[in-house]
Amino acid sequence: MKWISLIFTLTVTLISLSLSPHGIAQDKNVQVGDLIQVDLPGESSLNRGFQVDKRGRINLPEVGQVFVAGYDEEQLKTTVTQALSQMFRDTSNIKVFIAERQILISVQGYVKAPGEYTIPYNANVQMALQAAGGLRAGAQLNKMLHRRGADRTEFDYKRFLDSGDDDGLPTYNLSTFCLFLPLL
């Protein structure tokens, strides 16, 4: 009876872990904008975070650019360790992990400071606009454009502000996209 109880408990635990957001493999893969922490004892130039650029690379001192986008944490550690072992003798104590989930976004159009910004992984439209300094007078909120690659989606942000209904808003849990605000 104890074995059946133990097996049942383990099965329920495994199922709950696989259904939780932290159990999704893709959610743990490196994306553009993420902050990768590299810790190599004795090397002050490496003991910090490195942001994944638009091309999916991090720039490591003395090594250069290393492609990491799409890798899980084990692949990330292996890739960074191999790259660093070309310049450093002892990489046995290295720690490499995703320190912070982030999104790299380009906000263009009628905002106070158009440009590229890093925002939290679970950010929304308001956070993207705030990163760009807020709206400028004349921004057309009912025809905002969300672009990711070739996909373009127009949405009505004014409707959300008036009603609170967020059904038509894009979700920003993907890396690298552009938000454009047209002029009235």
C-alpha atoms as a PDB file:
ATOM      1  CA  MET A   1       0.000   0.000   0.000  1.00  0.00           C
ATOM      2  CA  LYS A   2       2.908   2.340   0.775  1.00  0.00           C
ATOM      3  CA  TRP A   3       4.324   1.724  -2.719  1.00  0.00           C
ATOM      4  CA  ILE A   4       1.036   2.608  -4.389  1.00  0.00           C
ATOM      5  CA  SER A   5       0.811   5.814  -2.370  1.00  0.00           C
ATOM      6  CA  LEU A   6       4.415   6.699  -3.246  1.00  0.00           C
ATOM      7  CA  ILE A   7       3.888   6.010  -6.971  1.00  0.00           C
ATOM      8  CA  PHE A   8       0.672   8.056  -6.950  1.00  0.00           C
ATOM      9  CA  THR A   9       2.429  10.988  -5.235  1.00  0.00           C
ATOM     10  CA  LEU A  10       5.339  10.887  -7.698  1.00  0.00           C
ATOM     11  CA  THR A  11       2.958  10.710 -10.673  1.00  0.00           C
ATOM     12  CA  VAL A  12       0.916  13.692  -9.462  1.00  0.00           C
ATOM     13  CA  THR A  13       4.111  15.668  -8.819  1.00  0.00           C
ATOM     14  CA  LEU A  14       5.495  14.928 -12.287  1.00  0.00           C
ATOM     15  CA  ILE A  15       2.204  15.844 -13.965  1.00  0.00           C
ATOM     16  CA  SER A  16       1.928  19.116 -12.044  1.00  0.00           C
ATOM     17  CA  LEU A  17       5.536  20.018 -12.918  1.00  0.00           C
ATOM     18  CA  SER A  18       4.970  19.318 -16.599  1.00  0.00           C
ATOM     19  CA  LEU A  19       1.828  21.474 -16.646  1.00  0.00           C
ATOM     20  CA  SER A  20       3.306  24.408 -14.743  1.00  0.00           C
ATOM     21  CA  PRO A  21       4.737  27.382 -16.676  1.00  0.00           C
ATOM     22  CA  HIS A  22       8.197  26.578 -15.322  1.00  0.00           C
ATOM     23  CA  GLY A  23       7.988  23.081 -16.766  1.00  0.00           C
ATOM     24  CA  ILE A  24       7.654  24.214 -20.384  1.00  0.00           C
ATOM     25  CA  ALA A  25      10.950  23.617 -22.178  1.00  0.00           C
ATOM     26  CA  GLN A  26      10.558  26.524 -24.601  1.00  0.00           C
ATOM     27  CA  ASP A  27      10.045  28.911 -21.695  1.00  0.00           C
ATOM     28  CA  LYS A  28      13.521  27.999 -20.449  1.00  0.00           C
ATOM     29  CA  ASN A  29      15.258  28.567 -23.793  1.00  0.00           C
ATOM     30  CA  VAL A  30      17.437  31.623 -24.316  1.00  0.00           C
ATOM     31  CA  GLN A  31      15.724  34.413 -26.261  1.00  0.00           C
ATOM     32  CA  VAL A  32      16.827  37.738 -27.695  1.00  0.00           C
ATOM     33  CA  GLY A  33      16.907  40.283 -24.864  1.00  0.00           C
ATOM     34  CA  ASP A  34      17.560  37.784 -22.066  1.00  0.00           C
ATOM     35  CA  LEU A  35      20.281  38.533 -19.543  1.00  0.00           C
ATOM     36  CA  ILE A  36      22.803  35.681 -19.271  1.00  0.00           C
ATOM     37  CA  GLN A  37      24.855  35.497 -16.077  1.00  0.00           C
ATOM     38  CA  VAL A  38      28.392  34.130 -16.373  1.00  0.00           C
ATOM     39  CA  ASP A  39      30.384  33.482 -13.196  1.00  0.00           C
ATOM     40  CA  LEU A  40      33.990  32.329 -13.479  1.00  0.00           C
ATOM     41  CA  PRO A  41      35.837  32.634 -10.150  1.00  0.00           C
ATOM     42  CA  GLY A  42      38.864  34.903 -10.381  1.00  0.00           C
ATOM     43  CA  GLU A  43      37.791  36.617 -13.612  1.00  0.00           C
ATOM     44  CA  SER A  44      36.152  39.955 -12.780  1.00  0.00           C
ATOM     45  CA  SER A  45      35.492  40.770 -16.450  1.00  0.00           C
ATOM     46  CA  LEU A  46      33.191  37.749 -16.693  1.00  0.00           C
ATOM     47  CA  ASN A  47      31.328  37.823 -13.384  1.00  0.00           C
ATOM     48  CA  ARG A  48      28.330  39.765 -14.670  1.00  0.00           C
ATOM     49  CA  GLY A  49      25.328  39.599 -16.958  1.00  0.00           C
ATOM     50  CA  PHE A  50      25.489  39.680 -20.755  1.00  0.00           C
ATOM     51  CA  GLN A  51      22.426  40.641 -22.799  1.00  0.00           C
ATOM     52  CA  VAL A  52      21.495  38.531 -25.830  1.00  0.00           C
ATOM     53  CA  ASP A  53      21.541  40.863 -28.858  1.00  0.00           C
ATOM     54  CA  LYS A  54      19.156  40.971 -31.853  1.00  0.00           C
ATOM     55  CA  ARG A  55      21.139  38.272 -33.605  1.00  0.00           C
ATOM     56  CA  GLY A  56      20.995  35.889 -30.629  1.00  0.00           C
ATOM     57  CA  ARG A  57      24.566  36.417 -29.444  1.00  0.00           C
ATOM     58  CA  ILE A  58      26.336  37.526 -26.295  1.00  0.00           C
ATOM     59  CA  ASN A  59      29.656  39.365 -26.414  1.00  0.00           C
ATOM     60  CA  LEU A  60      32.174  37.807 -24.004  1.00  0.00           C
ATOM     61  CA  PRO A  61      35.418  39.605 -23.076  1.00  0.00           C
ATOM     62  CA  GLU A  62      38.532  38.105 -24.693  1.00  0.00           C
ATOM     63  CA  VAL A  63      36.371  35.643 -26.667  1.00  0.00           C
ATOM     64  CA  GLY A  64      33.991  37.764 -28.713  1.00  0.00           C
ATOM     65  CA  GLN A  65      30.490  36.960 -29.879  1.00  0.00           C
ATOM     66  CA  VAL A  66      28.923  33.614 -29.025  1.00  0.00           C
ATOM     67  CA  PHE A  67      25.560  32.505 -30.439  1.00  0.00           C
ATOM     68  CA  VAL A  68      23.196  31.328 -27.652  1.00  0.00           C
ATOM     69  CA  ALA A  69      19.574  32.004 -28.757  1.00  0.00           C
ATOM     70  CA  GLY A  70      17.264  28.994 -28.608  1.00  0.00           C
ATOM     71  CA  TYR A  71      19.525  26.996 -26.303  1.00  0.00           C
ATOM     72  CA  ASP A  72      18.310  25.451 -23.068  1.00  0.00           C
ATOM     73  CA  GLU A  73      20.400  26.115 -19.954  1.00  0.00           C
ATOM     74  CA  GLU A  74      22.537  22.989 -20.402  1.00  0.00           C
ATOM     75  CA  GLN A  75      23.348  23.849 -24.039  1.00  0.00           C
ATOM     76  CA  LEU A  76      23.999  27.446 -22.954  1.00  0.00           C
ATOM     77  CA  LYS A  77      26.502  26.368 -20.309  1.00  0.00           C
ATOM     78  CA  THR A  78      28.243  23.956 -22.698  1.00  0.00           C
ATOM     79  CA  THR A  79      28.534  26.564 -25.474  1.00  0.00           C
ATOM     80  CA  VAL A  80      29.819  29.338 -23.208  1.00  0.00           C
ATOM     81  CA  THR A  81      32.233  26.984 -21.424  1.00  0.00           C
ATOM     82  CA  GLN A  82      33.673  25.769 -24.739  1.00  0.00           C
ATOM     83  CA  ALA A  83      34.102  29.352 -25.970  1.00  0.00           C
ATOM     84  CA  LEU A  84      35.786  30.479 -22.731  1.00  0.00           C
ATOM     85  CA  SER A  85      38.048  27.422 -22.538  1.00  0.00           C
ATOM     86  CA  GLN A  86      39.892  28.782 -25.593  1.00  0.00           C
ATOM     87  CA  MET A  87      41.167  31.705 -23.482  1.00  0.00           C
ATOM     88  CA  PHE A  88      40.962  30.463 -19.883  1.00  0.00           C
ATOM     89  CA  ARG A  89      42.619  27.330 -18.527  1.00  0.00           C
ATOM     90  CA  ASP A  90      40.267  26.379 -15.727  1.00  0.00           C
ATOM     91  CA  THR A  91      36.571  26.600 -16.543  1.00  0.00           C
ATOM     92  CA  SER A  92      35.569  23.729 -14.262  1.00  0.00           C
ATOM     93  CA  ASN A  93      33.855  26.054 -11.745  1.00  0.00           C
ATOM     94  CA  ILE A  94      31.963  28.155 -14.285  1.00  0.00           C
ATOM     95  CA  LYS A  95      28.296  28.961 -13.730  1.00  0.00           C
ATOM     96  CA  VAL A  96      26.173  30.069 -16.682  1.00  0.00           C
ATOM     97  CA  PHE A  97      22.419  30.635 -16.496  1.00  0.00           C
ATOM     98  CA  ILE A  98      19.554  32.855 -17.615  1.00  0.00           C
ATOM     99  CA  ALA A  99      19.530  35.556 -14.936  1.00  0.00           C
ATOM    100  CA  GLU A 100      16.549  37.513 -16.222  1.00  0.00           C
ATOM    101  CA  ARG A 101      13.897  36.952 -18.886  1.00  0.00           C
ATOM    102  CA  GLN A 102      13.593  40.118 -20.988  1.00  0.00           C
ATOM    103  CA  ILE A 103      12.309  41.288 -24.360  1.00  0.00           C
ATOM    104  CA  LEU A 104      14.124  43.550 -26.778  1.00  0.00           C
ATOM    105  CA  ILE A 105      11.596  45.914 -28.387  1.00  0.00           C
ATOM    106  CA  SER A 106      11.748  48.719 -30.909  1.00  0.00           C
ATOM    107  CA  VAL A 107       9.201  51.489 -30.226  1.00  0.00           C
ATOM    108  CA  GLN A 108       8.779  53.872 -33.175  1.00  0.00           C
ATOM    109  CA  GLY A 109       6.467  56.675 -34.244  1.00  0.00           C
ATOM    110  CA  TYR A 110       4.893  59.321 -32.045  1.00  0.00           C
ATOM    111  CA  VAL A 111       6.579  58.611 -28.720  1.00  0.00           C
ATOM    112  CA  LYS A 112       8.911  60.962 -26.866  1.00  0.00           C
ATOM    113  CA  ALA A 113      12.043  58.838 -27.334  1.00  0.00           C
ATOM    114  CA  PRO A 114      11.767  56.300 -30.202  1.00  0.00           C
ATOM    115  CA  GLY A 115      14.335  53.525 -30.098  1.00  0.00           C
ATOM    116  CA  GLU A 116      15.171  50.050 -28.841  1.00  0.00           C
ATOM    117  CA  TYR A 117      14.403  49.126 -25.252  1.00  0.00           C
ATOM    118  CA  THR A 118      14.664  46.132 -22.976  1.00  0.00           C
ATOM    119  CA  ILE A 119      11.466  45.421 -21.063  1.00  0.00           C
ATOM    120  CA  PRO A 120      10.432  42.589 -18.706  1.00  0.00           C
ATOM    121  CA  TYR A 121       9.362  39.270 -20.235  1.00  0.00           C
ATOM    122  CA  ASN A 122       5.757  39.703 -19.064  1.00  0.00           C
ATOM    123  CA  ALA A 123       5.465  43.341 -20.220  1.00  0.00           C
ATOM    124  CA  ASN A 124       2.413  44.959 -21.780  1.00  0.00           C
ATOM    125  CA  VAL A 125       1.801  47.816 -24.236  1.00  0.00           C
ATOM    126  CA  GLN A 126       1.820  50.430 -21.467  1.00  0.00           C
ATOM    127  CA  MET A 127       5.255  49.301 -20.272  1.00  0.00           C
ATOM    128  CA  ALA A 128       6.612  49.494 -23.830  1.00  0.00           C
ATOM    129  CA  LEU A 129       5.229  53.022 -24.248  1.00  0.00           C
ATOM    130  CA  GLN A 130       6.642  54.070 -20.868  1.00  0.00           C
ATOM    131  CA  ALA A 131      10.075  52.756 -21.825  1.00  0.00           C
ATOM    132  CA  ALA A 132       9.969  55.100 -24.836  1.00  0.00           C
ATOM    133  CA  GLY A 133       9.187  58.095 -22.629  1.00  0.00           C
ATOM    134  CA  GLY A 134       5.436  58.064 -23.196  1.00  0.00           C
ATOM    135  CA  LEU A 135       3.254  59.330 -26.014  1.00  0.00           C
ATOM    136  CA  ARG A 136       3.684  62.550 -27.954  1.00  0.00           C
ATOM    137  CA  ALA A 137       0.708  64.743 -28.747  1.00  0.00           C
ATOM    138  CA  GLY A 138      -0.953  63.564 -31.939  1.00  0.00           C
ATOM    139  CA  ALA A 139      -0.299  59.823 -31.564  1.00  0.00           C
ATOM    140  CA  GLN A 140      -3.100  57.807 -33.157  1.00  0.00           C
ATOM    141  CA  LEU A 141      -3.926  55.247 -30.470  1.00  0.00           C
ATOM    142  CA  ASN A 142      -6.696  53.500 -32.394  1.00  0.00           C
ATOM    143  CA  LYS A 143      -4.340  52.323 -35.174  1.00  0.00           C
ATOM    144  CA  MET A 144      -1.218  51.146 -33.378  1.00  0.00           C
ATOM    145  CA  LEU A 145       0.882  48.584 -35.215  1.00  0.00           C
ATOM    146  CA  HIS A 146       2.586  45.550 -33.703  1.00  0.00           C
ATOM    147  CA  ARG A 147       5.164  43.957 -36.021  1.00  0.00           C
ATOM    148  CA  ARG A 148       7.181  40.785 -35.552  1.00  0.00           C
ATOM    149  CA  GLY A 149       9.105  39.746 -38.647  1.00  0.00           C
ATOM    150  CA  ALA A 150       6.679  39.775 -41.575  1.00  0.00           C
ATOM    151  CA  ASP A 151       3.605  39.585 -39.303  1.00  0.00           C
ATOM    152  CA  ARG A 152       1.837  42.918 -38.812  1.00  0.00           C
ATOM    153  CA  THR A 153      -1.115  43.391 -36.494  1.00  0.00           C
ATOM    154  CA  GLU A 154      -3.056  46.632 -36.118  1.00  0.00           C
ATOM    155  CA  PHE A 155      -4.811  47.119 -32.778  1.00  0.00           C
ATOM    156  CA  ASP A 156      -6.934  49.735 -31.029  1.00  0.00           C
ATOM    157  CA  TYR A 157      -5.159  50.795 -27.842  1.00  0.00           C
ATOM    158  CA  LYS A 158      -7.642  53.652 -27.328  1.00  0.00           C
ATOM    159  CA  ARG A 159     -10.476  51.103 -26.986  1.00  0.00           C
ATOM    160  CA  PHE A 160      -8.519  49.398 -24.222  1.00  0.00           C
ATOM    161  CA  LEU A 161      -7.917  52.712 -22.420  1.00  0.00           C
ATOM    162  CA  ASP A 162     -11.626  53.624 -22.695  1.00  0.00           C
ATOM    163  CA  SER A 163     -13.103  50.231 -21.760  1.00  0.00           C
ATOM    164  CA  GLY A 164     -10.387  48.212 -20.008  1.00  0.00           C
ATOM    165  CA  ASP A 165     -11.055  45.336 -22.445  1.00  0.00           C
ATOM    166  CA  ASP A 166      -7.650  43.846 -23.292  1.00  0.00           C
ATOM    167  CA  ASP A 167      -8.882  41.188 -25.745  1.00  0.00           C
ATOM    168  CA  GLY A 168      -7.513  43.037 -28.784  1.00  0.00           C
ATOM    169  CA  LEU A 169      -4.092  43.827 -27.319  1.00  0.00           C
ATOM    170  CA  PRO A 170      -0.984  41.918 -28.395  1.00  0.00           C
ATOM    171  CA  THR A 171       0.865  39.872 -25.790  1.00  0.00           C
ATOM    172  CA  TYR A 172       4.574  40.509 -25.358  1.00  0.00           C
ATOM    173  CA  ASN A 173       6.085  37.249 -24.268  1.00  0.00           C
ATOM    174  CA  LEU A 174       8.070  36.840 -27.468  1.00  0.00           C
ATOM    175  CA  SER A 175      11.452  38.308 -28.175  1.00  0.00           C
ATOM    176  CA  THR A 176      12.135  41.115 -30.648  1.00  0.00           C
ATOM    177  CA  PHE A 177       9.224  43.026 -32.067  1.00  0.00           C
ATOM    178  CA  CYS A 178       8.379  46.552 -33.130  1.00  0.00           C
ATOM    179  CA  LEU A 179       5.583  48.772 -31.843  1.00  0.00           C
ATOM    180  CA  PHE A 180       4.638  51.704 -34.094  1.00  0.00           C
ATOM    181  CA  LEU A 181       2.385  54.654 -33.243  1.00  0.00           C
ATOM    182  CA  PRO A 182       1.158  56.640 -36.271  1.00  0.00           C
ATOM    183  CA  LEU A 183       0.336  60.346 -36.387  1.00  0.00           C
ATOM    184  CA  LEU A 184      -3.328  61.434 -36.316  1.00  0.00           C
END
